[in-house]
Amino acid sequence: MREMRAVSFVTQLLDEGQLDDKKYRRMYVHWIEAEREMRGLGVSSKLNADPDFLLHLRDLGRRTADKWLARHFDSIGRESSVDIRAKFL
């Protein structure tokens, strides 16, 4: 959380022209999540090493990443795909 606040603060200073953009580089932040699916898992899932469960998580991650890339691929290296202030602050 502290790191996200720092990124947000430096981004704000860059946007306001208070920092030299030759010395400070803008960071683009992206957020990939499967919150609805992960919310349904209990705390005990953190200890679940069952191969089928791990394959399920892998497949969920791949599907989630594929959907995210389809929506945000053009943002990579150009702009953040998440509003840091709204999401973390």
PDB file of N, CA and C in Angstrom:
ATOM      1  N   MET A   1       0.815  -1.178   0.000  1.00  0.00           N
ATOM      2  CA  MET A   1       0.000   0.000   0.000  1.00  0.00           C
ATOM      3  C   MET A   1       0.871   1.259   0.000  1.00  0.00           C
ATOM      4  N   ARG A   2       1.929   1.231   0.792  1.00  0.00           N
ATOM      5  CA  ARG A   2       2.842   2.374   0.867  1.00  0.00           C
ATOM      6  C   ARG A   2       3.450   2.657  -0.509  1.00  0.00           C
ATOM      7  N   GLU A   3       3.820   1.597  -1.214  1.00  0.00           N
ATOM      8  CA  GLU A   3       4.426   1.760  -2.529  1.00  0.00           C
ATOM      9  C   GLU A   3       3.436   2.384  -3.511  1.00  0.00           C
ATOM     10  N   MET A   4       2.174   1.978  -3.432  1.00  0.00           N
ATOM     11  CA  MET A   4       1.158   2.536  -4.326  1.00  0.00           C
ATOM     12  C   MET A   4       0.947   4.022  -4.038  1.00  0.00           C
ATOM     13  N   ARG A   5       0.984   4.399  -2.764  1.00  0.00           N
ATOM     14  CA  ARG A   5       0.865   5.821  -2.416  1.00  0.00           C
ATOM     15  C   ARG A   5       2.051   6.606  -2.995  1.00  0.00           C
ATOM     16  N   ALA A   6       3.237   6.029  -2.912  1.00  0.00           N
ATOM     17  CA  ALA A   6       4.425   6.704  -3.444  1.00  0.00           C
ATOM     18  C   ALA A   6       4.320   6.859  -4.963  1.00  0.00           C
ATOM     19  N   VAL A   7       3.898   5.824  -5.663  1.00  0.00           N
ATOM     20  CA  VAL A   7       3.736   5.896  -7.118  1.00  0.00           C
ATOM     21  C   VAL A   7       2.703   6.961  -7.467  1.00  0.00           C
ATOM     22  N   SER A   8       1.602   6.981  -6.733  1.00  0.00           N
ATOM     23  CA  SER A   8       0.553   7.967  -6.975  1.00  0.00           C
ATOM     24  C   SER A   8       1.062   9.381  -6.748  1.00  0.00           C
ATOM     25  N   PHE A   9       1.836   9.571  -5.694  1.00  0.00           N
ATOM     26  CA  PHE A   9       2.362  10.897  -5.372  1.00  0.00           C
ATOM     27  C   PHE A   9       3.326  11.391  -6.448  1.00  0.00           C
ATOM     28  N   VAL A  10       4.246  10.541  -6.874  1.00  0.00           N
ATOM     29  CA  VAL A  10       5.204  10.928  -7.920  1.00  0.00           C
ATOM     30  C   VAL A  10       4.470  11.193  -9.231  1.00  0.00           C
ATOM     31  N   THR A  11       3.471  10.392  -9.545  1.00  0.00           N
ATOM     32  CA  THR A  11       2.683  10.603 -10.762  1.00  0.00           C
ATOM     33  C   THR A  11       1.991  11.958 -10.715  1.00  0.00           C
ATOM     34  N   GLN A  12       1.437  12.288  -9.568  1.00  0.00           N
ATOM     35  CA  GLN A  12       0.764  13.574  -9.411  1.00  0.00           C
ATOM     36  C   GLN A  12       1.762  14.728  -9.602  1.00  0.00           C
ATOM     37  N   LEU A  13       2.940  14.614  -9.010  1.00  0.00           N
ATOM     38  CA  LEU A  13       3.959  15.654  -9.169  1.00  0.00           C
ATOM     39  C   LEU A  13       4.405  15.788 -10.624  1.00  0.00           C
ATOM     40  N   LEU A  14       4.537  14.671 -11.318  1.00  0.00           N
ATOM     41  CA  LEU A  14       4.874  14.718 -12.743  1.00  0.00           C
ATOM     42  C   LEU A  14       3.778  15.409 -13.542  1.00  0.00           C
ATOM     43  N   ASP A  15       2.520  15.040 -13.248  1.00  0.00           N
ATOM     44  CA  ASP A  15       1.383  15.641 -13.956  1.00  0.00           C
ATOM     45  C   ASP A  15       1.317  17.146 -13.736  1.00  0.00           C
ATOM     46  N   GLU A  16       1.698  17.592 -12.555  1.00  0.00           N
ATOM     47  CA  GLU A  16       1.659  19.018 -12.222  1.00  0.00           C
ATOM     48  C   GLU A  16       2.910  19.756 -12.673  1.00  0.00           C
ATOM     49  N   GLY A  17       3.868  19.041 -13.272  1.00  0.00           N
ATOM     50  CA  GLY A  17       5.088  19.664 -13.743  1.00  0.00           C
ATOM     51  C   GLY A  17       6.058  20.052 -12.638  1.00  0.00           C
ATOM     52  N   GLN A  18       5.899  19.459 -11.457  1.00  0.00           N
ATOM     53  CA  GLN A  18       6.761  19.789 -10.329  1.00  0.00           C
ATOM     54  C   GLN A  18       8.023  18.924 -10.273  1.00  0.00           C
ATOM     55  N   LEU A  19       8.075  17.903 -11.096  1.00  0.00           N
ATOM     56  CA  LEU A  19       9.262  17.053 -11.178  1.00  0.00           C
ATOM     57  C   LEU A  19       9.769  17.051 -12.615  1.00  0.00           C
ATOM     58  N   ASP A  20      11.075  16.970 -12.748  1.00  0.00           N
ATOM     59  CA  ASP A  20      11.714  16.916 -14.062  1.00  0.00           C
ATOM     60  C   ASP A  20      11.487  15.527 -14.661  1.00  0.00           C
ATOM     61  N   ASP A  21      10.756  15.477 -15.773  1.00  0.00           N
ATOM     62  CA  ASP A  21      10.451  14.172 -16.377  1.00  0.00           C
ATOM     63  C   ASP A  21      11.667  13.528 -17.039  1.00  0.00           C
ATOM     64  N   LYS A  22      12.805  14.203 -17.039  1.00  0.00           N
ATOM     65  CA  LYS A  22      14.040  13.577 -17.510  1.00  0.00           C
ATOM     66  C   LYS A  22      14.728  12.831 -16.362  1.00  0.00           C
ATOM     67  N   LYS A  23      14.423  13.210 -15.143  1.00  0.00           N
ATOM     68  CA  LYS A  23      15.005  12.559 -13.973  1.00  0.00           C
ATOM     69  C   LYS A  23      14.059  11.529 -13.356  1.00  0.00           C
ATOM     70  N   TYR A  24      12.766  11.726 -13.542  1.00  0.00           N
ATOM     71  CA  TYR A  24      11.764  10.821 -12.968  1.00  0.00           C
ATOM     72  C   TYR A  24      10.937  10.221 -14.089  1.00  0.00           C
ATOM     73  N   ARG A  25      10.725   8.942 -13.981  1.00  0.00           N
ATOM     74  CA  ARG A  25       9.987   8.240 -15.019  1.00  0.00           C
ATOM     75  C   ARG A  25       8.607   7.856 -14.514  1.00  0.00           C
ATOM     76  N   ARG A  26       7.637   8.039 -15.356  1.00  0.00           N
ATOM     77  CA  ARG A  26       6.257   7.677 -15.016  1.00  0.00           C
ATOM     78  C   ARG A  26       6.134   6.153 -14.965  1.00  0.00           C
ATOM     79  N   MET A  27       5.448   5.677 -13.951  1.00  0.00           N
ATOM     80  CA  MET A  27       5.175   4.239 -13.846  1.00  0.00           C
ATOM     81  C   MET A  27       3.730   3.990 -14.249  1.00  0.00           C
ATOM     82  N   TYR A  28       3.546   2.993 -15.052  1.00  0.00           N
ATOM     83  CA  TYR A  28       2.202   2.603 -15.447  1.00  0.00           C
ATOM     84  C   TYR A  28       1.810   1.378 -14.629  1.00  0.00           C
ATOM     85  N   VAL A  29       0.656   1.453 -14.010  1.00  0.00           N
ATOM     86  CA  VAL A  29       0.210   0.407 -13.088  1.00  0.00           C
ATOM     87  C   VAL A  29      -0.968  -0.331 -13.709  1.00  0.00           C
ATOM     88  N   HIS A  30      -0.925  -1.633 -13.578  1.00  0.00           N
ATOM     89  CA  HIS A  30      -2.004  -2.473 -14.098  1.00  0.00           C
ATOM     90  C   HIS A  30      -2.478  -3.399 -12.986  1.00  0.00           C
ATOM     91  N   TRP A  31      -3.735  -3.760 -13.043  1.00  0.00           N
ATOM     92  CA  TRP A  31      -4.334  -4.577 -12.004  1.00  0.00           C
ATOM     93  C   TRP A  31      -5.141  -5.680 -12.684  1.00  0.00           C
ATOM     94  N   ILE A  32      -4.732  -6.906 -12.436  1.00  0.00           N
ATOM     95  CA  ILE A  32      -5.445  -8.070 -12.975  1.00  0.00           C
ATOM     96  C   ILE A  32      -6.034  -8.808 -11.785  1.00  0.00           C
ATOM     97  N   GLU A  33      -7.325  -9.055 -11.824  1.00  0.00           N
ATOM     98  CA  GLU A  33      -7.945  -9.726 -10.681  1.00  0.00           C
ATOM     99  C   GLU A  33      -9.084 -10.635 -11.119  1.00  0.00           C
ATOM    100  N   ALA A  34      -9.323 -11.614 -10.282  1.00  0.00           N
ATOM    101  CA  ALA A  34     -10.478 -12.497 -10.436  1.00  0.00           C
ATOM    102  C   ALA A  34     -11.189 -12.499  -9.082  1.00  0.00           C
ATOM    103  N   GLU A  35     -11.561 -11.295  -8.657  1.00  0.00           N
ATOM    104  CA  GLU A  35     -12.079 -11.120  -7.297  1.00  0.00           C
ATOM    105  C   GLU A  35     -13.308 -11.971  -7.010  1.00  0.00           C
ATOM    106  N   ARG A  36     -14.236 -12.002  -7.947  1.00  0.00           N
ATOM    107  CA  ARG A  36     -15.467 -12.764  -7.712  1.00  0.00           C
ATOM    108  C   ARG A  36     -15.155 -14.239  -7.460  1.00  0.00           C
ATOM    109  N   GLU A  37     -14.269 -14.799  -8.273  1.00  0.00           N
ATOM    110  CA  GLU A  37     -13.928 -16.210  -8.128  1.00  0.00           C
ATOM    111  C   GLU A  37     -13.109 -16.460  -6.860  1.00  0.00           C
ATOM    112  N   MET A  38     -12.178 -15.565  -6.569  1.00  0.00           N
ATOM    113  CA  MET A  38     -11.311 -15.752  -5.405  1.00  0.00           C
ATOM    114  C   MET A  38     -12.059 -15.526  -4.088  1.00  0.00           C
ATOM    115  N   ARG A  39     -13.040 -14.643  -4.116  1.00  0.00           N
ATOM    116  CA  ARG A  39     -13.825 -14.368  -2.909  1.00  0.00           C
ATOM    117  C   ARG A  39     -14.533 -15.626  -2.413  1.00  0.00           C
ATOM    118  N   GLY A  40     -14.878 -16.510  -3.331  1.00  0.00           N
ATOM    119  CA  GLY A  40     -15.578 -17.733  -2.960  1.00  0.00           C
ATOM    120  C   GLY A  40     -14.693 -18.771  -2.293  1.00  0.00           C
ATOM    121  N   LEU A  41     -13.389 -18.561  -2.298  1.00  0.00           N
ATOM    122  CA  LEU A  41     -12.469 -19.517  -1.673  1.00  0.00           C
ATOM    123  C   LEU A  41     -12.290 -19.182  -0.201  1.00  0.00           C
ATOM    124  N   GLY A  42     -12.262 -20.186   0.625  1.00  0.00           N
ATOM    125  CA  GLY A  42     -12.055 -19.976   2.054  1.00  0.00           C
ATOM    126  C   GLY A  42     -10.581 -19.817   2.384  1.00  0.00           C
ATOM    127  N   VAL A  43     -10.334 -19.472   3.624  1.00  0.00           N
ATOM    128  CA  VAL A  43      -8.962 -19.302   4.105  1.00  0.00           C
ATOM    129  C   VAL A  43      -8.171 -20.594   3.946  1.00  0.00           C
ATOM    130  N   SER A  44      -8.825 -21.726   4.124  1.00  0.00           N
ATOM    131  CA  SER A  44      -8.130 -23.010   4.032  1.00  0.00           C
ATOM    132  C   SER A  44      -7.583 -23.283   2.636  1.00  0.00           C
ATOM    133  N   SER A  45      -8.096 -22.574   1.622  1.00  0.00           N
ATOM    134  CA  SER A  45      -7.609 -22.796   0.256  1.00  0.00           C
ATOM    135  C   SER A  45      -6.127 -22.436   0.134  1.00  0.00           C
ATOM    136  N   LYS A  46      -5.631 -21.594   1.027  1.00  0.00           N
ATOM    137  CA  LYS A  46      -4.210 -21.220   0.982  1.00  0.00           C
ATOM    138  C   LYS A  46      -3.311 -22.411   1.282  1.00  0.00           C
ATOM    139  N   LEU A  47      -3.856 -23.418   1.934  1.00  0.00           N
ATOM    140  CA  LEU A  47      -3.085 -24.610   2.276  1.00  0.00           C
ATOM    141  C   LEU A  47      -3.422 -25.796   1.383  1.00  0.00           C
ATOM    142  N   ASN A  48      -4.279 -25.579   0.411  1.00  0.00           N
ATOM    143  CA  ASN A  48      -4.748 -26.659  -0.448  1.00  0.00           C
ATOM    144  C   ASN A  48      -3.729 -26.924  -1.554  1.00  0.00           C
ATOM    145  N   ALA A  49      -3.062 -28.053  -1.462  1.00  0.00           N
ATOM    146  CA  ALA A  49      -2.052 -28.425  -2.459  1.00  0.00           C
ATOM    147  C   ALA A  49      -2.544 -29.527  -3.385  1.00  0.00           C
ATOM    148  N   ASP A  50      -3.848 -29.746  -3.406  1.00  0.00           N
ATOM    149  CA  ASP A  50      -4.427 -30.765  -4.268  1.00  0.00           C
ATOM    150  C   ASP A  50      -4.149 -30.394  -5.731  1.00  0.00           C
ATOM    151  N   PRO A  51      -3.613 -31.327  -6.506  1.00  0.00           N
ATOM    152  CA  PRO A  51      -3.273 -31.013  -7.904  1.00  0.00           C
ATOM    153  C   PRO A  51      -4.447 -30.466  -8.713  1.00  0.00           C
ATOM    154  N   ASP A  52      -5.644 -31.006  -8.523  1.00  0.00           N
ATOM    155  CA  ASP A  52      -6.801 -30.512  -9.280  1.00  0.00           C
ATOM    156  C   ASP A  52      -7.120 -29.066  -8.909  1.00  0.00           C
ATOM    157  N   PHE A  53      -6.985 -28.728  -7.635  1.00  0.00           N
ATOM    158  CA  PHE A  53      -7.239 -27.362  -7.196  1.00  0.00           C
ATOM    159  C   PHE A  53      -6.185 -26.414  -7.795  1.00  0.00           C
ATOM    160  N   LEU A  54      -4.937 -26.829  -7.776  1.00  0.00           N
ATOM    161  CA  LEU A  54      -3.875 -26.003  -8.341  1.00  0.00           C
ATOM    162  C   LEU A  54      -4.054 -25.811  -9.849  1.00  0.00           C
ATOM    163  N   LEU A  55      -4.494 -26.843 -10.536  1.00  0.00           N
ATOM    164  CA  LEU A  55      -4.782 -26.719 -11.965  1.00  0.00           C
ATOM    165  C   LEU A  55      -5.950 -25.759 -12.198  1.00  0.00           C
ATOM    166  N   HIS A  56      -6.944 -25.818 -11.318  1.00  0.00           N
ATOM    167  CA  HIS A  56      -8.077 -24.897 -11.391  1.00  0.00           C
ATOM    168  C   HIS A  56      -7.600 -23.442 -11.257  1.00  0.00           C
ATOM    169  N   LEU A  57      -6.723 -23.187 -10.294  1.00  0.00           N
ATOM    170  CA  LEU A  57      -6.189 -21.839 -10.099  1.00  0.00           C
ATOM    171  C   LEU A  57      -5.370 -21.389 -11.313  1.00  0.00           C
ATOM    172  N   ARG A  58      -4.568 -22.305 -11.841  1.00  0.00           N
ATOM    173  CA  ARG A  58      -3.780 -21.976 -13.035  1.00  0.00           C
ATOM    174  C   ARG A  58      -4.689 -21.590 -14.195  1.00  0.00           C
ATOM    175  N   ASP A  59      -5.717 -22.395 -14.416  1.00  0.00           N
ATOM    176  CA  ASP A  59      -6.633 -22.131 -15.525  1.00  0.00           C
ATOM    177  C   ASP A  59      -7.399 -20.826 -15.311  1.00  0.00           C
ATOM    178  N   LEU A  60      -7.803 -20.559 -14.090  1.00  0.00           N
ATOM    179  CA  LEU A  60      -8.477 -19.304 -13.769  1.00  0.00           C
ATOM    180  C   LEU A  60      -7.546 -18.127 -14.057  1.00  0.00           C
ATOM    181  N   GLY A  61      -6.299 -18.249 -13.663  1.00  0.00           N
ATOM    182  CA  GLY A  61      -5.327 -17.199 -13.924  1.00  0.00           C
ATOM    183  C   GLY A  61      -5.126 -16.952 -15.410  1.00  0.00           C
ATOM    184  N   ARG A  62      -5.059 -17.995 -16.169  1.00  0.00           N
ATOM    185  CA  ARG A  62      -4.872 -17.854 -17.622  1.00  0.00           C
ATOM    186  C   ARG A  62      -6.091 -17.199 -18.277  1.00  0.00           C
ATOM    187  N   ARG A  63      -7.298 -17.640 -17.881  1.00  0.00           N
ATOM    188  CA  ARG A  63      -8.516 -17.034 -18.439  1.00  0.00           C
ATOM    189  C   ARG A  63      -8.597 -15.552 -18.073  1.00  0.00           C
ATOM    190  N   THR A  64      -8.288 -15.253 -16.831  1.00  0.00           N
ATOM    191  CA  THR A  64      -8.337 -13.862 -16.362  1.00  0.00           C
ATOM    192  C   THR A  64      -7.323 -13.004 -17.106  1.00  0.00           C
ATOM    193  N   ALA A  65      -6.117 -13.523 -17.282  1.00  0.00           N
ATOM    194  CA  ALA A  65      -5.080 -12.781 -18.009  1.00  0.00           C
ATOM    195  C   ALA A  65      -5.464 -12.587 -19.477  1.00  0.00           C
ATOM    196  N   ASP A  66      -6.033 -13.603 -20.095  1.00  0.00           N
ATOM    197  CA  ASP A  66      -6.453 -13.482 -21.493  1.00  0.00           C
ATOM    198  C   ASP A  66      -7.518 -12.393 -21.656  1.00  0.00           C
ATOM    199  N   LYS A  67      -8.496 -12.366 -20.739  1.00  0.00           N
ATOM    200  CA  LYS A  67      -9.539 -11.332 -20.794  1.00  0.00           C
ATOM    201  C   LYS A  67      -8.935  -9.949 -20.585  1.00  0.00           C
ATOM    202  N   TRP A  68      -8.012  -9.846 -19.617  1.00  0.00           N
ATOM    203  CA  TRP A  68      -7.384  -8.556 -19.327  1.00  0.00           C
ATOM    204  C   TRP A  68      -6.587  -8.075 -20.538  1.00  0.00           C
ATOM    205  N   LEU A  69      -5.815  -8.966 -21.135  1.00  0.00           N
ATOM    206  CA  LEU A  69      -5.025  -8.586 -22.308  1.00  0.00           C
ATOM    207  C   LEU A  69      -5.908  -8.145 -23.473  1.00  0.00           C
ATOM    208  N   ALA A  70      -7.036  -8.802 -23.663  1.00  0.00           N
ATOM    209  CA  ALA A  70      -7.945  -8.425 -24.740  1.00  0.00           C
ATOM    210  C   ALA A  70      -8.461  -7.000 -24.546  1.00  0.00           C
ATOM    211  N   ARG A  71      -8.651  -6.604 -23.302  1.00  0.00           N
ATOM    212  CA  ARG A  71      -9.173  -5.259 -23.009  1.00  0.00           C
ATOM    213  C   ARG A  71      -8.090  -4.192 -22.905  1.00  0.00           C
ATOM    214  N   HIS A  72      -6.911  -4.554 -22.408  1.00  0.00           N
ATOM    215  CA  HIS A  72      -5.926  -3.543 -22.033  1.00  0.00           C
ATOM    216  C   HIS A  72      -4.573  -3.635 -22.739  1.00  0.00           C
ATOM    217  N   PHE A  73      -4.447  -4.498 -23.704  1.00  0.00           N
ATOM    218  CA  PHE A  73      -3.136  -4.692 -24.341  1.00  0.00           C
ATOM    219  C   PHE A  73      -2.535  -3.382 -24.833  1.00  0.00           C
ATOM    220  N   ASP A  74      -3.353  -2.539 -25.430  1.00  0.00           N
ATOM    221  CA  ASP A  74      -2.848  -1.282 -25.989  1.00  0.00           C
ATOM    222  C   ASP A  74      -2.399  -0.300 -24.908  1.00  0.00           C
ATOM    223  N   SER A  75      -2.769  -0.532 -23.659  1.00  0.00           N
ATOM    224  CA  SER A  75      -2.361   0.347 -22.558  1.00  0.00           C
ATOM    225  C   SER A  75      -0.942   0.058 -22.084  1.00  0.00           C
ATOM    226  N   ILE A  76      -0.471  -1.140 -22.321  1.00  0.00           N
ATOM    227  CA  ILE A  76       0.831  -1.546 -21.794  1.00  0.00           C
ATOM    228  C   ILE A  76       1.920  -0.631 -22.346  1.00  0.00           C
ATOM    229  N   GLY A  77       2.667  -0.025 -21.424  1.00  0.00           N
ATOM    230  CA  GLY A  77       3.745   0.873 -21.795  1.00  0.00           C
ATOM    231  C   GLY A  77       3.291   2.265 -22.198  1.00  0.00           C
ATOM    232  N   ARG A  78       1.992   2.539 -22.139  1.00  0.00           N
ATOM    233  CA  ARG A  78       1.460   3.837 -22.569  1.00  0.00           C
ATOM    234  C   ARG A  78       0.660   4.543 -21.492  1.00  0.00           C
ATOM    235  N   GLU A  79      -0.079   3.766 -20.701  1.00  0.00           N
ATOM    236  CA  GLU A  79      -0.915   4.346 -19.656  1.00  0.00           C
ATOM    237  C   GLU A  79      -1.286   3.263 -18.653  1.00  0.00           C
ATOM    238  N   SER A  80      -1.674   3.686 -17.481  1.00  0.00           N
ATOM    239  CA  SER A  80      -2.126   2.737 -16.465  1.00  0.00           C
ATOM    240  C   SER A  80      -3.513   2.244 -16.837  1.00  0.00           C
ATOM    241  N   SER A  81      -3.806   1.039 -16.464  1.00  0.00           N
ATOM    242  CA  SER A  81      -5.147   0.507 -16.708  1.00  0.00           C
ATOM    243  C   SER A  81      -5.985   0.540 -15.433  1.00  0.00           C
ATOM    244  N   VAL A  82      -5.433   1.120 -14.381  1.00  0.00           N
ATOM    245  CA  VAL A  82      -6.150   1.244 -13.116  1.00  0.00           C
ATOM    246  C   VAL A  82      -5.858   2.622 -12.544  1.00  0.00           C
ATOM    247  N   ASP A  83      -6.860   3.215 -11.925  1.00  0.00           N
ATOM    248  CA  ASP A  83      -6.678   4.488 -11.240  1.00  0.00           C
ATOM    249  C   ASP A  83      -6.171   4.186  -9.836  1.00  0.00           C
ATOM    250  N   ILE A  84      -4.895   4.448  -9.607  1.00  0.00           N
ATOM    251  CA  ILE A  84      -4.265   4.107  -8.331  1.00  0.00           C
ATOM    252  C   ILE A  84      -4.972   4.767  -7.169  1.00  0.00           C
ATOM    253  N   ARG A  85      -5.302   6.034  -7.327  1.00  0.00           N
ATOM    254  CA  ARG A  85      -5.938   6.773  -6.229  1.00  0.00           C
ATOM    255  C   ARG A  85      -7.290   6.162  -5.876  1.00  0.00           C
ATOM    256  N   ALA A  86      -8.072   5.793  -6.879  1.00  0.00           N
ATOM    257  CA  ALA A  86      -9.389   5.224  -6.622  1.00  0.00           C
ATOM    258  C   ALA A  86      -9.291   3.804  -6.032  1.00  0.00           C
ATOM    259  N   LYS A  87      -8.307   3.042  -6.474  1.00  0.00           N
ATOM    260  CA  LYS A  87      -8.205   1.638  -6.069  1.00  0.00           C
ATOM    261  C   LYS A  87      -7.511   1.456  -4.724  1.00  0.00           C
ATOM    262  N   PHE A  88      -6.480   2.257  -4.442  1.00  0.00           N
ATOM    263  CA  PHE A  88      -5.641   1.998  -3.284  1.00  0.00           C
ATOM    264  C   PHE A  88      -5.651   3.064  -2.210  1.00  0.00           C
ATOM    265  N   LEU A  89      -6.078   4.272  -2.543  1.00  0.00           N
ATOM    266  CA  LEU A  89      -5.956   5.347  -1.560  1.00  0.00           C
ATOM    267  C   LEU A  89      -7.272   5.763  -0.968  1.00  0.00           C
TER     268      LEU A  89
END
